[in-house]
């Protein structure tokens, strides 16, 4: 108990300090996230990985809280996944490589002896999917860190109920490190998790969920695992469905995540994070109650129903721009412009035949012609003829009501 408090305090302080120190090198190396309104450094995840691993390794080496072989492999695989995420932040690796690498790491840590081969294979897919979904949560300031803290406390409570002290201390250190990181990631963020920290956090949380539910009934275990990580799953499903329905490539980024849609509804950045944190807490609370036996398995259906209703409601929020519109002005295709020009030219030719006498000629009128004033003309004859000598015809300063609204073509001679 005392070591857990000391580990949490050390993780919080070290993560806050290291995140502040890594901000300048990230800016100098141009390791920034340009998806936001301004570039944000991406080495905050490295601080979370280093602090969590160091605190857990210290407890294991000193013998105060041994991790055990299974939890030790989970931590080592999580650090490897974090290194893969750091490579993605530096070299912009494609998502398929991240998914494949995370799946390989998950296959090395799943306890097949307790889950069985079929359930173990499903657990590998679950861990890889949750890790990639947590990377998607890093789309706005404070979202991934806040959801990670809430989920880490919930999974840690499940581990403590199973008397897995090493796993519980590891998750407590992760929650404290994410809390220290949030001091710099709250809106407006000065540093972000990046793929390094988000993949690491998602991998550890999903792997710890599999460890705590190993040996239990598979169907109930799947329900608890879904409830503990429901928010990340809802975000991933919402993004994939919206892009599919809009005919956009599934891997093309866009402002279509949970926080983006809540902002469209009028919430502030901080308000969107609070709403997502409350939603995550509700799912985690149900998962913990079902795991500890304080609630029946049917309670998981409430989380599933809420996820379906929330996804359907947020799908109606418009996040993609309308096609054929730039800003608020309609964009016309070139064919329509040519047709309008042709119609105006034809109307102008017809109008020049009908009102040709109303337009003054470019030639100077003779003395005899000067006595004749064109019908509908205003002013003295000399004034009208002098203005008609310059081409194109200059309009009079006095407001005159135009006789025709079409384009006129002047024929001389």
Foldseek 3Di string as FASTA:
>chain_A
DVLLVVLLVQLLVQLLVVLVVCLVVQVVLVLFDPLDPDTAGACSLVSLLVSLVVSLVVCCVVVVQNQDDLSVLLNVLLQVLLVVQVVCSNVVDAPVVSLVSQLVSLLVRQPCVQQPDVSSNVLSNQLSLQLVLLLVQQSAFPQSLLLLLLLLCLLLLLCVLVVNRSLNSSSSSSNSSSNSSSVQRHPVHNHTNGSSNSSSSSNSSSSSLSVSCGNPDSVLSVLLSCLSRVLSVLQLVLLQVLCVVVVHDSRDDFLRGQLSLVVLVPDDSVRSSVVSSVLNNVSSVLSSCCSNVVDDSCSSVVNVVVSVVVSVVSSPRDGDDDPQDDPPDGHDDPVVVVVVVVVLVVVQVVVCVVCLLVQAALDQDDPVVLVDDGPPDDDHSVVRRVQSNDPPRDDDPDDDDDPDDGHHDHDHD
